N, C-alpha and C. Protein backbone atom coordinates (compact mmCIF):
# COMPACT_ATOMS: atom_id res chain seq x y z
N UNK A 1 -131.82 -52.77 -203.16
CA UNK A 1 -132.87 -52.83 -202.43
C UNK A 1 -133.62 -52.13 -201.20
N UNK A 2 -134.19 -51.28 -201.03
CA UNK A 2 -134.63 -50.53 -199.74
C UNK A 2 -135.41 -51.16 -199.34
N UNK A 3 -135.61 -52.44 -197.92
CA UNK A 3 -136.38 -52.75 -197.29
C UNK A 3 -136.72 -52.37 -195.97
N UNK A 4 -137.87 -52.31 -195.48
CA UNK A 4 -138.09 -52.17 -193.66
C UNK A 4 -139.19 -53.74 -193.74
N UNK A 5 -138.93 -54.40 -192.52
CA UNK A 5 -139.77 -55.20 -192.07
C UNK A 5 -140.38 -54.61 -190.87
N UNK A 6 -141.49 -55.26 -190.25
CA UNK A 6 -142.52 -55.23 -189.49
C UNK A 6 -142.66 -56.52 -188.70
N UNK A 7 -142.27 -56.47 -187.48
CA UNK A 7 -142.63 -57.46 -186.28
C UNK A 7 -143.70 -57.16 -185.49
N UNK A 8 -144.37 -58.11 -184.56
CA UNK A 8 -145.00 -57.78 -184.18
C UNK A 8 -146.76 -57.50 -184.61
N UNK A 9 -146.81 -57.42 -186.32
CA UNK A 9 -147.71 -57.45 -186.60
C UNK A 9 -148.92 -58.37 -186.51
N UNK A 10 -149.98 -58.01 -186.00
CA UNK A 10 -151.02 -59.60 -185.91
C UNK A 10 -151.64 -60.02 -187.36
N UNK A 11 -152.32 -61.16 -186.99
CA UNK A 11 -152.66 -62.16 -188.20
C UNK A 11 -153.63 -61.47 -188.71
N UNK A 12 -154.26 -60.19 -188.26
CA UNK A 12 -155.41 -60.02 -188.71
C UNK A 12 -155.58 -58.86 -189.76
N UNK A 13 -153.91 -58.35 -189.87
CA UNK A 13 -153.69 -56.96 -190.55
C UNK A 13 -153.52 -57.08 -191.84
N UNK A 14 -153.53 -56.72 -192.74
CA UNK A 14 -154.09 -57.23 -194.31
C UNK A 14 -152.91 -56.10 -195.08
N UNK A 15 -152.72 -56.60 -196.57
CA UNK A 15 -151.40 -56.00 -196.86
C UNK A 15 -151.83 -54.09 -197.11
N UNK A 16 -153.31 -54.33 -197.17
CA UNK A 16 -153.48 -52.88 -197.53
C UNK A 16 -153.65 -51.75 -196.11
N UNK A 17 -153.92 -52.85 -195.16
CA UNK A 17 -153.62 -52.29 -193.42
C UNK A 17 -151.95 -51.83 -193.63
N UNK A 18 -151.30 -52.62 -194.32
CA UNK A 18 -149.72 -52.24 -194.16
C UNK A 18 -149.01 -50.96 -194.82
N UNK A 19 -149.99 -50.76 -196.37
CA UNK A 19 -150.09 -49.69 -197.17
C UNK A 19 -150.29 -48.50 -196.45
N UNK A 20 -151.42 -48.56 -195.93
CA UNK A 20 -152.01 -47.14 -195.20
C UNK A 20 -150.86 -46.57 -194.28
N UNK A 21 -150.41 -47.98 -193.28
CA UNK A 21 -149.72 -47.76 -192.40
C UNK A 21 -148.76 -46.55 -192.83
N UNK A 22 -147.92 -46.72 -194.00
CA UNK A 22 -146.73 -46.24 -194.21
C UNK A 22 -146.69 -45.37 -195.48
N UNK A 23 -148.60 -44.81 -195.45
CA UNK A 23 -148.67 -43.93 -196.96
C UNK A 23 -148.02 -42.55 -196.21
N UNK A 24 -148.70 -42.20 -195.39
CA UNK A 24 -148.41 -40.85 -194.80
C UNK A 24 -146.83 -40.43 -194.67
N UNK A 25 -146.19 -41.61 -194.72
CA UNK A 25 -144.99 -40.55 -194.87
C UNK A 25 -143.98 -41.43 -195.89
N UNK A 26 -144.08 -42.55 -196.81
CA UNK A 26 -144.06 -42.84 -197.57
C UNK A 26 -144.46 -43.75 -198.76
N UNK A 27 -144.71 -43.93 -199.75
CA UNK A 27 -145.52 -44.79 -200.63
C UNK A 27 -144.64 -46.10 -200.95
N UNK A 28 -145.20 -47.44 -200.29
CA UNK A 28 -144.51 -48.58 -200.34
C UNK A 28 -144.84 -49.04 -201.77
N UNK A 29 -143.33 -49.85 -202.20
CA UNK A 29 -143.44 -50.50 -204.02
C UNK A 29 -143.78 -51.65 -203.71
N UNK A 30 -143.77 -52.27 -202.61
CA UNK A 30 -144.25 -53.62 -202.73
C UNK A 30 -144.24 -54.26 -201.15
N UNK A 31 -145.34 -55.23 -201.08
CA UNK A 31 -145.25 -55.46 -199.53
C UNK A 31 -145.52 -57.31 -199.48
N UNK A 32 -144.82 -57.72 -198.93
CA UNK A 32 -145.04 -59.35 -198.78
C UNK A 32 -145.48 -59.61 -197.43
N UNK A 33 -146.18 -60.28 -197.24
CA UNK A 33 -146.96 -60.86 -195.27
C UNK A 33 -146.70 -62.12 -195.62
N UNK A 34 -146.04 -62.39 -194.15
CA UNK A 34 -146.28 -63.75 -193.83
C UNK A 34 -146.07 -64.01 -192.29
N UNK A 35 -147.12 -64.77 -191.57
CA UNK A 35 -147.39 -65.26 -190.60
C UNK A 35 -147.20 -63.84 -189.43
N UNK A 36 -147.85 -62.99 -189.88
CA UNK A 36 -147.60 -61.74 -188.96
C UNK A 36 -146.88 -60.83 -188.74
N UNK A 37 -145.71 -61.02 -189.93
CA UNK A 37 -144.42 -60.20 -190.43
C UNK A 37 -144.91 -59.37 -191.42
N UNK A 38 -144.31 -58.11 -191.84
CA UNK A 38 -144.60 -57.85 -193.33
C UNK A 38 -143.28 -57.33 -193.81
N UNK A 39 -142.75 -57.98 -194.83
CA UNK A 39 -141.55 -57.31 -195.73
C UNK A 39 -141.94 -56.08 -196.55
N UNK A 40 -141.85 -54.63 -196.57
CA UNK A 40 -141.67 -53.69 -197.16
C UNK A 40 -140.98 -53.36 -197.87
N UNK A 41 -141.13 -53.06 -199.30
CA UNK A 41 -139.93 -52.43 -200.58
C UNK A 41 -140.15 -51.58 -200.53
N UNK A 42 -139.06 -50.24 -200.47
CA UNK A 42 -139.21 -48.89 -200.70
C UNK A 42 -138.73 -48.29 -202.14
N UNK A 43 -138.82 -47.83 -202.57
CA UNK A 43 -137.87 -46.80 -204.19
C UNK A 43 -136.26 -46.44 -203.90
N UNK A 44 -135.85 -46.39 -202.53
CA UNK A 44 -134.84 -46.40 -202.01
C UNK A 44 -134.53 -46.12 -200.61
N UNK A 45 -133.09 -45.87 -200.35
CA UNK A 45 -132.53 -46.36 -198.65
C UNK A 45 -133.54 -45.21 -198.04
N UNK A 46 -133.36 -43.84 -198.27
CA UNK A 46 -133.64 -42.78 -197.82
C UNK A 46 -135.16 -42.77 -197.25
N UNK A 47 -136.02 -43.11 -198.41
CA UNK A 47 -137.43 -43.62 -198.22
C UNK A 47 -137.99 -44.62 -196.96
N UNK A 48 -136.65 -45.33 -196.95
CA UNK A 48 -136.77 -46.70 -196.03
C UNK A 48 -136.39 -46.24 -194.78
N UNK A 49 -135.43 -45.58 -194.55
CA UNK A 49 -134.93 -44.38 -193.60
C UNK A 49 -136.22 -43.53 -192.62
N UNK A 50 -136.94 -43.20 -193.74
CA UNK A 50 -138.36 -42.48 -193.39
C UNK A 50 -139.24 -43.20 -192.99
N UNK A 51 -139.28 -44.13 -193.21
CA UNK A 51 -140.46 -45.44 -193.16
C UNK A 51 -140.34 -45.75 -191.78
N UNK A 52 -139.04 -45.74 -191.32
CA UNK A 52 -138.51 -46.05 -189.78
C UNK A 52 -139.27 -45.17 -188.75
N UNK A 53 -139.35 -43.84 -189.23
CA UNK A 53 -140.08 -42.94 -188.29
C UNK A 53 -141.32 -43.26 -188.18
N UNK A 54 -141.90 -44.34 -188.55
CA UNK A 54 -143.42 -45.19 -187.98
C UNK A 54 -142.86 -46.40 -186.81
N UNK A 55 -141.87 -46.62 -186.46
CA UNK A 55 -141.30 -47.43 -185.76
C UNK A 55 -142.22 -47.42 -184.33
N UNK A 56 -142.54 -48.53 -183.46
CA UNK A 56 -143.33 -48.24 -182.38
C UNK A 56 -144.79 -47.90 -182.24
N UNK A 57 -145.39 -47.61 -183.88
CA UNK A 57 -146.75 -46.76 -183.66
C UNK A 57 -147.62 -47.81 -183.35
N UNK A 58 -148.70 -47.50 -184.03
CA UNK A 58 -150.23 -48.76 -183.74
C UNK A 58 -150.33 -48.67 -185.21
N UNK A 59 -150.38 -50.38 -185.38
CA UNK A 59 -150.78 -51.06 -186.60
C UNK A 59 -152.07 -52.28 -186.59
N UNK A 60 -153.01 -52.17 -186.64
CA UNK A 60 -153.82 -53.13 -186.42
C UNK A 60 -154.21 -53.45 -184.94
N UNK A 61 -154.05 -52.23 -184.12
CA UNK A 61 -154.71 -52.15 -182.44
C UNK A 61 -153.44 -52.79 -182.01
N UNK A 62 -152.17 -53.02 -182.61
CA UNK A 62 -150.79 -53.51 -182.12
C UNK A 62 -149.55 -52.37 -182.40
N UNK A 63 -149.15 -52.22 -181.01
CA UNK A 63 -147.58 -51.66 -181.63
C UNK A 63 -146.74 -52.28 -182.55
N UNK A 64 -146.57 -51.96 -183.37
CA UNK A 64 -145.42 -52.56 -184.49
C UNK A 64 -144.09 -52.28 -184.49
N UNK A 65 -143.18 -53.11 -184.53
CA UNK A 65 -142.18 -53.28 -184.13
C UNK A 65 -141.10 -52.95 -185.43
N UNK A 66 -140.73 -52.08 -186.03
CA UNK A 66 -139.60 -51.84 -187.62
C UNK A 66 -138.40 -51.90 -187.44
N UNK A 67 -137.71 -52.76 -188.57
CA UNK A 67 -136.52 -53.21 -188.35
C UNK A 67 -136.00 -52.71 -189.83
N UNK A 68 -134.91 -51.88 -190.01
CA UNK A 68 -134.22 -51.35 -191.33
C UNK A 68 -133.34 -52.65 -192.08
N UNK A 69 -133.59 -53.01 -193.04
CA UNK A 69 -132.97 -54.46 -193.81
C UNK A 69 -132.28 -54.01 -194.59
N UNK A 70 -132.38 -52.48 -195.19
CA UNK A 70 -131.76 -52.14 -196.33
C UNK A 70 -130.05 -51.50 -195.64
N UNK A 71 -129.31 -51.13 -196.89
CA UNK A 71 -127.90 -49.76 -196.59
C UNK A 71 -127.88 -48.98 -197.89
N UNK A 72 -127.67 -48.31 -197.26
CA UNK A 72 -127.39 -47.12 -198.30
C UNK A 72 -126.29 -47.64 -199.84
N UNK A 73 -126.87 -47.05 -200.67
CA UNK A 73 -125.96 -47.70 -202.29
C UNK A 73 -124.64 -47.23 -201.57
N UNK A 74 -124.13 -46.05 -200.99
CA UNK A 74 -122.43 -46.15 -200.36
C UNK A 74 -122.17 -46.54 -199.97
N UNK A 75 -122.34 -47.87 -199.21
CA UNK A 75 -122.31 -48.57 -197.91
C UNK A 75 -121.22 -49.09 -198.29
N UNK A 76 -120.07 -49.00 -197.78
CA UNK A 76 -118.94 -50.11 -197.67
C UNK A 76 -118.71 -51.36 -196.61
N UNK A 77 -118.99 -51.10 -195.63
CA UNK A 77 -118.81 -52.10 -194.47
C UNK A 77 -117.70 -52.42 -194.09
N UNK A 78 -117.64 -53.44 -192.92
CA UNK A 78 -116.29 -53.51 -192.75
C UNK A 78 -115.36 -54.57 -193.36
N UNK A 79 -116.03 -55.73 -193.87
CA UNK A 79 -115.33 -56.57 -194.99
C UNK A 79 -114.97 -55.68 -196.27
N UNK A 80 -115.12 -54.89 -196.71
CA UNK A 80 -115.01 -54.39 -197.72
C UNK A 80 -113.53 -52.99 -197.25
N UNK A 81 -113.38 -52.95 -196.62
CA UNK A 81 -112.46 -51.63 -195.83
C UNK A 81 -110.82 -52.31 -196.33
N UNK A 82 -110.38 -53.43 -196.12
CA UNK A 82 -109.38 -53.88 -196.45
C UNK A 82 -108.66 -53.39 -194.71
N UNK A 83 -107.44 -54.45 -194.68
CA UNK A 83 -106.77 -53.86 -193.16
C UNK A 83 -105.88 -52.71 -193.25
N UNK A 84 -106.03 -51.79 -192.31
CA UNK A 84 -105.07 -51.04 -192.46
C UNK A 84 -103.99 -50.90 -191.17
N UNK A 85 -104.07 -51.84 -190.48
CA UNK A 85 -103.14 -52.56 -189.18
C UNK A 85 -102.00 -53.30 -190.16
N UNK A 86 -100.76 -52.50 -189.20
CA UNK A 86 -99.55 -53.19 -190.05
C UNK A 86 -99.36 -54.91 -189.83
N UNK A 87 -98.95 -55.76 -190.36
CA UNK A 87 -99.23 -56.86 -189.93
C UNK A 87 -98.06 -57.12 -189.15
N UNK A 88 -98.06 -58.19 -188.16
CA UNK A 88 -97.12 -58.33 -187.21
C UNK A 88 -95.95 -59.31 -187.31
N UNK A 89 -95.04 -58.78 -187.18
CA UNK A 89 -93.90 -59.63 -187.61
C UNK A 89 -94.14 -61.06 -186.59
N UNK A 90 -93.47 -62.25 -187.86
CA UNK A 90 -93.74 -63.32 -186.72
C UNK A 90 -92.33 -63.56 -186.29
N UNK A 91 -91.77 -64.09 -184.86
CA UNK A 91 -90.96 -63.96 -184.49
C UNK A 91 -90.37 -65.51 -184.14
N UNK A 92 -89.37 -65.74 -185.15
CA UNK A 92 -88.90 -67.37 -185.30
C UNK A 92 -88.78 -67.85 -183.86
N UNK A 93 -89.21 -68.79 -183.62
CA UNK A 93 -89.05 -69.71 -182.47
C UNK A 93 -87.55 -70.24 -182.17
N UNK A 94 -86.43 -70.26 -183.13
CA UNK A 94 -85.25 -70.25 -182.97
C UNK A 94 -84.79 -69.14 -181.95
N UNK A 95 -85.00 -67.87 -181.84
CA UNK A 95 -84.64 -66.58 -181.42
C UNK A 95 -84.71 -67.21 -179.95
N UNK A 96 -85.76 -68.03 -179.43
CA UNK A 96 -85.58 -68.17 -177.91
C UNK A 96 -85.02 -69.10 -177.41
N UNK A 97 -84.06 -69.97 -178.16
CA UNK A 97 -83.70 -71.61 -178.14
C UNK A 97 -82.94 -71.44 -176.82
N UNK A 98 -82.33 -70.32 -176.72
CA UNK A 98 -81.48 -70.62 -175.05
C UNK A 98 -82.36 -70.06 -173.50
N UNK A 99 -83.66 -69.90 -174.01
CA UNK A 99 -84.60 -69.75 -172.29
C UNK A 99 -84.97 -70.63 -171.70
N UNK A 100 -84.80 -70.47 -170.63
CA UNK A 100 -85.19 -72.08 -170.49
C UNK A 100 -86.25 -71.50 -168.75
N UNK A 101 -86.95 -72.16 -168.40
CA UNK A 101 -88.18 -71.93 -167.94
C UNK A 101 -87.37 -72.18 -166.26
N UNK A 102 -87.37 -70.99 -165.24
CA UNK A 102 -87.11 -71.54 -163.82
C UNK A 102 -88.12 -72.46 -163.29
N UNK A 103 -89.51 -72.02 -163.60
CA UNK A 103 -90.51 -72.71 -162.82
C UNK A 103 -91.42 -73.31 -163.44
N UNK A 104 -91.92 -74.29 -163.51
CA UNK A 104 -92.46 -74.89 -164.30
C UNK A 104 -94.02 -73.92 -164.38
N UNK A 105 -94.80 -74.08 -165.70
CA UNK A 105 -96.13 -72.90 -165.39
C UNK A 105 -96.90 -73.99 -165.02
N UNK A 106 -97.25 -75.13 -164.64
CA UNK A 106 -97.86 -75.61 -164.20
C UNK A 106 -98.50 -75.87 -162.55
N UNK A 107 -97.36 -75.18 -162.03
CA UNK A 107 -97.17 -74.90 -160.09
C UNK A 107 -96.74 -76.07 -159.98
N UNK A 108 -96.41 -76.63 -160.40
CA UNK A 108 -95.42 -78.03 -159.66
C UNK A 108 -93.96 -77.99 -159.89
N UNK A 109 -93.26 -78.41 -159.58
CA UNK A 109 -91.85 -78.51 -159.74
C UNK A 109 -91.10 -79.40 -160.24
N UNK A 110 -90.24 -79.21 -161.29
CA UNK A 110 -90.06 -80.53 -162.41
C UNK A 110 -88.71 -80.85 -161.31
N UNK A 111 -88.06 -81.94 -162.14
CA UNK A 111 -87.00 -82.56 -161.56
C UNK A 111 -85.87 -81.59 -161.50
N UNK A 112 -85.83 -80.96 -162.34
CA UNK A 112 -84.68 -79.77 -162.89
C UNK A 112 -84.29 -78.80 -161.69
N UNK A 113 -85.14 -78.43 -161.07
CA UNK A 113 -85.69 -77.70 -160.32
C UNK A 113 -85.68 -78.01 -158.94
N UNK A 114 -85.16 -79.19 -158.73
CA UNK A 114 -86.00 -80.28 -157.35
C UNK A 114 -84.44 -80.44 -157.47
N UNK A 115 -83.29 -81.18 -158.50
CA UNK A 115 -82.05 -81.29 -158.16
C UNK A 115 -81.28 -79.53 -158.25
N UNK A 116 -81.76 -79.01 -158.37
CA UNK A 116 -81.29 -77.65 -157.73
C UNK A 116 -81.10 -76.98 -156.67
N UNK A 117 -82.82 -77.62 -156.11
CA UNK A 117 -82.98 -77.28 -154.74
C UNK A 117 -82.07 -78.23 -153.78
N UNK A 118 -81.94 -79.18 -154.00
CA UNK A 118 -81.55 -80.39 -153.22
C UNK A 118 -82.49 -81.38 -153.00
N UNK A 119 -83.51 -81.31 -153.74
CA UNK A 119 -84.83 -82.32 -152.96
C UNK A 119 -85.07 -83.06 -153.97
N UNK A 120 -85.03 -84.50 -153.56
CA UNK A 120 -84.95 -85.55 -154.20
C UNK A 120 -86.42 -86.45 -153.89
N UNK A 121 -87.19 -85.52 -154.07
CA UNK A 121 -88.35 -86.72 -153.47
C UNK A 121 -88.75 -88.22 -154.53
């Protein structure tokens, strides 16, 4: 479905005005209007791209903002590409079992460090 939506369309703009607005570029297949916005359905995505050339032009005395709502038929998108990155190996925790932290990460010295330094607070 090839769709372009208009924003900032005044409430006084009719469906006929929207059709006339696009007709010099492309003939709309269907137009629906609601609360000052129009959804314009076109025959192909290429027609929708041509309709986008009308972005920021005057419609009903106001500059209209167009937004492309459709994608080409051959669009894959990021969700359908699949992962091309190799999976990272999960390192088992037991490989680090001999590791002891010299300084606690919280910024205060723990009992083991205090005993090594001869401090007994």
